[in-house]
Amino acid sequence: MTAGERVVVVGAGVAGLTTAVVLAEAGALVHVIAEQVPGVTSLAAGAMWGPYLVEPKDKVDQWGQRSLEIFRKLAEDPSTGVRLTSGIEASRTAEAPPDWATTLPGFRPCELAELPTGFTAGYRFTVPLIDMPAYLDYLLRRLDVAGGTVERRRLASLADAGPAPVIVNCAGLGAQDLVPDPDLRPIRGQHVVVTNPGLTEFFSEDTGLSPDLLCFYPHGDTVVLGGTAIDGDGDLGPDDKAAASILARCAEVEPRLAEARVLEHRIGARPTRAMVRVEAELQGDGNVVVHNYGHGGAGVTLSWGCAEETGGLLIAQ
């Protein structure tokens, strides 16, 4: 990639917009094409930094740590939607903390008295919490300042994004058809957004591979409650039964949430594969496609690290 080179980024979720910002600020002429701007799955994220259930671990650790550095800087500006927030991750089965958590500021094991009834272990730490509608708006503003452009259009294939010497595929679940990639599958996630009854700290349960999650993330006047992880389900319609279960699980841990008013439901389909795909592919016509997708539920967590690696792959071409 050279300064002033035209680059088309496919997708306007957190991966696509972050990558577009990185490339535009490096001097590329970036044009984003996406059916939804911003992407609905990214809008539906909670979102707390944490590299959950994604591989390859060594690369995920690098990408996640780089993103963590940047989110900490962004948290200095309230307009970004990023805040450093303290809270607890707890377990009902005395699980050891994830290794990434032990390096976070304020990390310490919880006393039993700090934990909700039924929990046997927990850990307190401070981590970036991201209000996704505000944050994605911030990325769009930053892209505009850097000279990037955005086009709302449904693509039939990656080739349909051209002509361009470089196409960056950040299509998320759309890559299933655009690449095509049969190894990509959806994991449905649902959150319920309610009025904030006074919460300032997050809570998250380590539920392992269960499809029923329990977390709540305060964002000023609102709280995002979660959630679900239904493997293989890409339906984006609201599920009233699942929403009621989410509310009940969260209110059991934090009774003040029982009286909170429901504002909206957010549903997304996490684009999941065995390995996150960040790699360059030379096309028969000499053009380059760089893939950056398959982040599962860690798209926000890995966004800056993967975006910078994508930029590095383009420089190497």
Protein backbone atom coordinates (compact mmCIF):
# COMPACT_ATOMS: atom_id res chain seq x y z
CA MET A 1 0.00 0.00 0.00
CA THR A 2 1.26 3.42 -0.92
CA ALA A 3 0.05 6.84 0.19
CA GLY A 4 -2.97 7.88 -1.83
CA GLU A 5 -3.78 4.32 -2.94
CA ARG A 6 -7.47 3.46 -3.19
CA VAL A 7 -8.59 0.84 -0.68
CA VAL A 8 -12.13 -0.52 -0.41
CA VAL A 9 -13.15 -1.85 3.02
CA VAL A 10 -16.14 -4.18 2.98
CA GLY A 11 -18.16 -4.01 6.20
CA ALA A 12 -18.98 -1.26 8.71
CA GLY A 13 -18.99 -3.14 11.99
CA VAL A 14 -16.32 -2.47 14.57
CA ALA A 15 -13.71 -4.43 12.56
CA GLY A 16 -14.46 -2.62 9.32
CA LEU A 17 -14.66 0.90 10.77
CA THR A 18 -11.54 0.48 12.90
CA THR A 19 -9.59 -0.88 9.95
CA ALA A 20 -10.85 1.93 7.74
CA VAL A 21 -9.70 4.52 10.30
CA VAL A 22 -6.24 2.94 10.59
CA LEU A 23 -5.77 2.84 6.81
CA ALA A 24 -7.17 6.33 6.16
CA GLU A 25 -4.98 7.85 8.85
CA ALA A 26 -2.01 6.10 7.22
CA GLY A 27 -2.73 7.97 3.99
CA ALA A 28 -4.87 5.57 1.96
CA LEU A 29 -7.97 6.72 0.07
CA VAL A 30 -10.46 4.58 1.94
CA HIS A 31 -13.97 3.81 0.73
CA VAL A 32 -16.22 1.69 2.97
CA ILE A 33 -19.04 -0.35 1.42
CA ALA A 34 -21.62 -1.96 3.70
CA GLU A 35 -25.30 -2.81 3.67
CA GLN A 36 -25.69 -1.55 7.25
CA VAL A 37 -23.81 1.43 8.66
CA PRO A 38 -22.87 0.84 11.38
CA GLY A 39 -23.21 -2.94 11.46
CA VAL A 40 -26.05 -4.28 13.60
CA THR A 41 -24.00 -6.99 15.30
CA SER A 42 -21.44 -4.47 16.55
CA LEU A 43 -24.26 -2.15 17.69
CA ALA A 44 -25.62 -5.04 19.75
CA ALA A 45 -22.38 -5.69 21.64
CA GLY A 46 -22.22 -5.08 25.42
CA ALA A 47 -19.29 -4.31 25.29
CA MET A 48 -16.45 -5.11 27.70
CA TRP A 49 -12.86 -5.72 26.67
CA GLY A 50 -11.93 -9.38 27.17
CA PRO A 51 -10.52 -11.95 24.69
CA TYR A 52 -13.11 -14.68 25.25
CA LEU A 53 -13.20 -18.02 23.42
CA VAL A 54 -11.18 -17.10 20.32
CA GLU A 55 -8.08 -18.56 18.67
CA PRO A 56 -5.18 -18.58 17.83
CA LYS A 57 -4.26 -17.69 21.40
CA ASP A 58 -0.82 -16.19 20.74
CA LYS A 59 -2.15 -13.80 18.09
CA VAL A 60 -5.32 -13.08 20.07
CA ASP A 61 -3.19 -12.08 23.06
CA GLN A 62 -1.19 -9.66 20.89
CA TRP A 63 -4.23 -8.19 19.17
CA GLY A 64 -6.11 -7.88 22.44
CA GLN A 65 -3.28 -6.17 24.31
CA ARG A 66 -2.78 -3.64 21.52
CA SER A 67 -6.49 -2.85 21.53
CA LEU A 68 -6.41 -2.51 25.31
CA GLU A 69 -3.66 0.12 25.06
CA ILE A 70 -5.71 2.15 22.61
CA PHE A 71 -8.98 1.83 24.52
CA ARG A 72 -7.24 3.13 27.65
CA LYS A 73 -6.20 6.23 25.71
CA LEU A 74 -9.67 6.66 24.21
CA ALA A 75 -11.19 6.50 27.69
CA GLU A 76 -9.56 9.88 28.40
CA ASP A 77 -12.13 11.44 26.03
CA PRO A 78 -15.79 10.91 27.12
CA SER A 79 -17.04 11.59 23.58
CA THR A 80 -15.59 8.25 22.40
CA GLY A 81 -18.05 6.19 24.45
CA VAL A 82 -15.16 4.36 26.16
CA ARG A 83 -14.80 4.35 29.96
CA LEU A 84 -12.51 2.53 32.36
CA THR A 85 -14.89 0.75 34.72
CA SER A 86 -14.41 -1.44 37.78
CA GLY A 87 -16.47 -4.51 38.49
CA ILE A 88 -16.57 -8.21 39.21
CA GLU A 89 -16.37 -11.37 37.15
CA ALA A 90 -17.68 -14.26 39.22
CA SER A 91 -18.16 -18.02 39.04
CA ARG A 92 -20.44 -20.54 40.73
CA THR A 93 -17.79 -23.27 40.45
CA ALA A 94 -14.63 -21.61 41.84
CA GLU A 95 -12.95 -21.30 38.45
CA ALA A 96 -9.48 -19.76 38.22
CA PRO A 97 -9.44 -16.29 36.65
CA PRO A 98 -8.58 -15.99 32.94
CA ASP A 99 -4.92 -15.13 32.49
CA TRP A 100 -5.73 -11.84 30.74
CA ALA A 101 -7.67 -10.62 33.78
CA THR A 102 -4.80 -11.02 36.23
CA THR A 103 -2.79 -8.31 34.46
CA LEU A 104 -5.56 -5.69 34.62
CA PRO A 105 -5.42 -2.72 37.04
CA GLY A 106 -7.02 -3.35 40.40
CA PHE A 107 -7.10 -7.12 39.96
CA ARG A 108 -7.75 -9.01 43.18
CA PRO A 109 -9.78 -12.01 44.34
CA CYS A 110 -13.13 -11.10 45.90
CA GLU A 111 -14.06 -11.81 49.47
CA LEU A 112 -17.03 -14.18 49.71
CA ALA A 113 -19.12 -11.36 51.21
CA GLU A 114 -18.68 -9.35 47.98
CA LEU A 115 -20.29 -12.05 45.84
CA PRO A 116 -23.97 -12.60 45.09
CA THR A 117 -25.69 -15.63 46.60
CA GLY A 118 -24.73 -18.84 44.80
CA PHE A 119 -21.30 -17.69 43.65
CA THR A 120 -18.18 -19.30 45.09
CA ALA A 121 -15.39 -17.21 43.55
CA GLY A 122 -14.90 -13.87 41.88
CA TYR A 123 -12.34 -11.34 40.79
CA ARG A 124 -12.40 -7.58 40.74
CA PHE A 125 -10.59 -5.56 38.07
CA THR A 126 -10.82 -2.38 35.97
CA VAL A 127 -11.37 -2.70 32.24
CA PRO A 128 -12.56 -0.64 29.26
CA LEU A 129 -16.34 -0.64 28.89
CA ILE A 130 -17.57 0.54 25.50
CA ASP A 131 -20.97 2.09 24.76
CA MET A 132 -21.24 0.78 21.21
CA PRO A 133 -23.70 3.22 19.58
CA ALA A 134 -21.60 6.16 20.83
CA TYR A 135 -18.32 4.44 19.97
CA LEU A 136 -19.30 3.49 16.42
CA ASP A 137 -20.47 7.08 15.84
CA TYR A 138 -17.04 8.20 17.06
CA LEU A 139 -15.29 5.88 14.57
CA LEU A 140 -17.46 7.20 11.72
CA ARG A 141 -16.60 10.79 12.66
CA ARG A 142 -12.91 9.94 12.86
CA LEU A 143 -13.04 8.23 9.46
CA ASP A 144 -14.70 11.29 7.94
CA VAL A 145 -11.99 13.58 9.33
CA ALA A 146 -9.35 11.28 7.80
CA GLY A 147 -10.98 11.63 4.38
CA GLY A 148 -12.70 8.24 4.23
CA THR A 149 -16.03 7.78 2.48
CA VAL A 150 -18.94 5.42 3.15
CA GLU A 151 -21.40 3.82 0.74
CA ARG A 152 -24.46 1.82 1.77
CA ARG A 153 -24.77 -1.04 -0.68
CA ARG A 154 -25.33 -4.80 -0.60
CA LEU A 155 -22.59 -6.72 -2.39
CA ALA A 156 -23.09 -9.92 -4.37
CA SER A 157 -19.38 -10.81 -4.10
CA LEU A 158 -16.08 -9.27 -3.04
CA ALA A 159 -15.36 -8.57 -6.72
CA ASP A 160 -18.52 -6.43 -6.73
CA ALA A 161 -16.67 -4.02 -4.41
CA GLY A 162 -14.14 -3.15 -7.11
CA PRO A 163 -12.49 -2.04 -9.20
CA ALA A 164 -9.80 -1.44 -6.59
CA PRO A 165 -6.21 -2.67 -6.25
CA VAL A 166 -6.89 -3.49 -2.60
CA ILE A 167 -10.06 -4.84 -0.98
CA VAL A 168 -10.21 -5.43 2.77
CA ASN A 169 -12.79 -7.98 3.79
CA CYS A 170 -14.29 -7.06 7.17
CA ALA A 171 -17.70 -8.43 6.27
CA GLY A 172 -18.21 -10.41 9.46
CA LEU A 173 -20.86 -13.04 8.95
CA GLY A 174 -21.32 -11.73 5.39
CA ALA A 175 -18.00 -13.38 4.51
CA GLN A 176 -19.86 -16.69 4.67
CA ASP A 177 -21.24 -15.90 1.18
CA LEU A 178 -18.84 -13.24 -0.11
CA VAL A 179 -15.62 -15.29 0.20
CA PRO A 180 -17.31 -17.85 0.44
CA ASP A 181 -16.27 -19.35 3.80
CA PRO A 182 -18.20 -22.45 4.89
CA ASP A 183 -16.24 -22.55 8.16
CA LEU A 184 -17.92 -19.35 9.34
CA ARG A 185 -21.04 -19.70 11.48
CA PRO A 186 -23.30 -17.38 13.50
CA ILE A 187 -23.65 -17.35 17.27
CA ARG A 188 -26.77 -15.37 18.11
CA GLY A 189 -26.46 -12.81 20.88
CA GLN A 190 -29.24 -10.83 22.54
CA HIS A 191 -29.00 -7.95 25.00
CA VAL A 192 -31.70 -5.97 26.78
CA VAL A 193 -31.12 -2.25 27.37
CA VAL A 194 -32.80 -0.76 30.46
CA THR A 195 -32.79 2.48 32.43
CA ASN A 196 -29.97 2.64 34.96
CA PRO A 197 -31.23 2.40 38.58
CA GLY A 198 -27.88 3.68 39.89
CA LEU A 199 -25.29 1.09 38.84
CA THR A 200 -21.71 2.24 38.33
CA GLU A 201 -19.90 -1.12 38.18
CA PHE A 202 -20.16 -4.04 35.77
CA PHE A 203 -20.88 -7.65 36.68
CA SER A 204 -20.15 -10.70 34.56
CA GLU A 205 -20.53 -14.41 35.26
CA ASP A 206 -18.06 -16.90 33.83
CA THR A 207 -20.63 -19.20 32.22
CA GLY A 208 -18.21 -21.15 30.05
CA LEU A 209 -19.88 -22.59 26.95
CA SER A 210 -23.45 -22.12 28.21
CA PRO A 211 -25.88 -20.42 25.78
CA ASP A 212 -27.28 -18.44 28.74
CA LEU A 213 -25.00 -15.58 29.76
CA LEU A 214 -25.24 -13.23 32.73
CA CYS A 215 -23.73 -9.77 32.65
CA PHE A 216 -24.68 -6.14 33.06
CA TYR A 217 -22.74 -3.15 31.81
CA PRO A 218 -23.70 0.37 32.97
CA HIS A 219 -23.37 3.18 30.42
CA GLY A 220 -24.46 6.34 32.17
CA ASP A 221 -28.27 6.53 32.02
CA THR A 222 -28.63 3.00 30.63
CA VAL A 223 -27.51 -0.55 31.43
CA VAL A 224 -26.94 -3.29 28.88
CA LEU A 225 -28.08 -6.67 30.22
CA GLY A 226 -27.02 -9.98 28.76
CA GLY A 227 -27.26 -12.26 27.30
CA THR A 228 -27.37 -15.29 24.99
CA ALA A 229 -24.92 -17.25 22.82
CA ILE A 230 -26.94 -19.58 20.57
CA ASP A 231 -24.49 -21.46 18.35
CA GLY A 232 -25.58 -21.77 14.73
CA ASP A 233 -28.49 -19.32 15.04
CA GLY A 234 -28.30 -16.20 12.89
CA ASP A 235 -31.88 -14.98 13.40
CA LEU A 236 -31.90 -11.27 14.26
CA GLY A 237 -35.51 -11.12 15.46
CA PRO A 238 -36.19 -10.41 19.17
CA ASP A 239 -36.96 -13.39 21.41
CA ASP A 240 -39.32 -12.29 24.20
CA LYS A 241 -38.76 -15.46 26.22
CA ALA A 242 -34.98 -15.03 26.08
CA ALA A 243 -35.33 -11.36 27.04
CA ALA A 244 -37.44 -12.25 30.09
CA SER A 245 -34.84 -14.81 31.16
CA ILE A 246 -32.04 -12.27 30.78
CA LEU A 247 -33.92 -9.78 32.95
CA ALA A 248 -34.64 -12.43 35.58
CA ARG A 249 -31.01 -13.63 35.74
CA CYS A 250 -29.65 -10.10 36.08
CA ALA A 251 -32.26 -9.03 38.67
CA GLU A 252 -31.40 -12.06 40.79
CA VAL A 253 -27.84 -10.75 41.08
CA GLU A 254 -28.78 -7.04 41.23
CA PRO A 255 -32.36 -6.58 42.56
CA ARG A 256 -32.48 -2.91 41.55
CA LEU A 257 -32.70 -4.06 37.92
CA ALA A 258 -36.09 -5.68 38.55
CA GLU A 259 -37.79 -2.26 38.39
CA ALA A 260 -35.74 -0.86 35.50
CA ARG A 261 -37.67 0.15 32.40
CA VAL A 262 -36.86 -1.74 29.19
CA LEU A 263 -35.73 0.64 26.45
CA GLU A 264 -34.76 -1.67 23.60
CA HIS A 265 -33.55 -5.11 22.55
CA ARG A 266 -30.29 -5.53 20.65
CA ILE A 267 -29.63 -8.67 18.64
CA GLY A 268 -26.55 -9.65 16.65
CA ALA A 269 -24.94 -12.71 15.09
CA ARG A 270 -21.33 -13.14 16.18
CA PRO A 271 -19.22 -14.23 13.14
CA THR A 272 -17.41 -17.28 14.47
CA ARG A 273 -14.86 -19.72 13.05
CA ALA A 274 -12.17 -21.99 14.49
CA MET A 275 -9.52 -19.29 13.93
CA VAL A 276 -9.81 -15.53 13.47
CA ARG A 277 -8.77 -14.85 9.87
CA VAL A 278 -6.32 -12.00 9.27
CA GLU A 279 -4.35 -12.71 6.11
CA ALA A 280 -3.62 -11.40 2.62
CA GLU A 281 -4.70 -13.21 -0.52
CA LEU A 282 -3.31 -12.34 -3.97
CA GLN A 283 -5.98 -12.51 -6.66
CA GLY A 284 -5.50 -13.80 -10.21
CA ASP A 285 -5.73 -10.24 -11.58
CA GLY A 286 -2.89 -9.06 -9.35
CA ASN A 287 -5.15 -7.25 -6.92
CA VAL A 288 -5.04 -8.02 -3.20
CA VAL A 289 -7.75 -9.03 -0.76
CA VAL A 290 -6.91 -8.83 2.93
CA HIS A 291 -9.27 -10.73 5.20
CA ASN A 292 -10.08 -9.52 8.71
CA TYR A 293 -13.09 -11.42 10.05
CA GLY A 294 -14.24 -14.32 12.22
CA HIS A 295 -13.74 -12.62 15.60
CA GLY A 296 -16.71 -14.30 17.30
CA GLY A 297 -17.68 -12.40 20.44
CA ALA A 298 -14.29 -10.65 20.66
CA GLY A 299 -14.63 -8.24 17.75
CA VAL A 300 -14.36 -5.12 19.92
CA THR A 301 -11.56 -6.63 22.02
CA LEU A 302 -9.40 -7.45 18.99
CA SER A 303 -10.42 -4.54 16.76
CA TRP A 304 -7.38 -2.26 16.93
CA GLY A 305 -4.80 -5.05 16.97
CA CYS A 306 -6.36 -6.75 13.94
CA ALA A 307 -6.77 -3.43 12.12
CA GLU A 308 -3.10 -2.58 12.57
CA GLU A 309 -2.04 -6.06 11.43
CA THR A 310 -4.24 -5.62 8.36
CA GLY A 311 -2.44 -2.36 7.60
CA GLY A 312 0.90 -4.11 8.03
CA LEU A 313 -0.10 -6.81 5.56
CA LEU A 314 -0.96 -4.16 2.97
CA ILE A 315 2.36 -2.39 3.44
CA ALA A 316 4.11 -5.71 2.84
CA GLN A 317 2.40 -6.23 -0.54
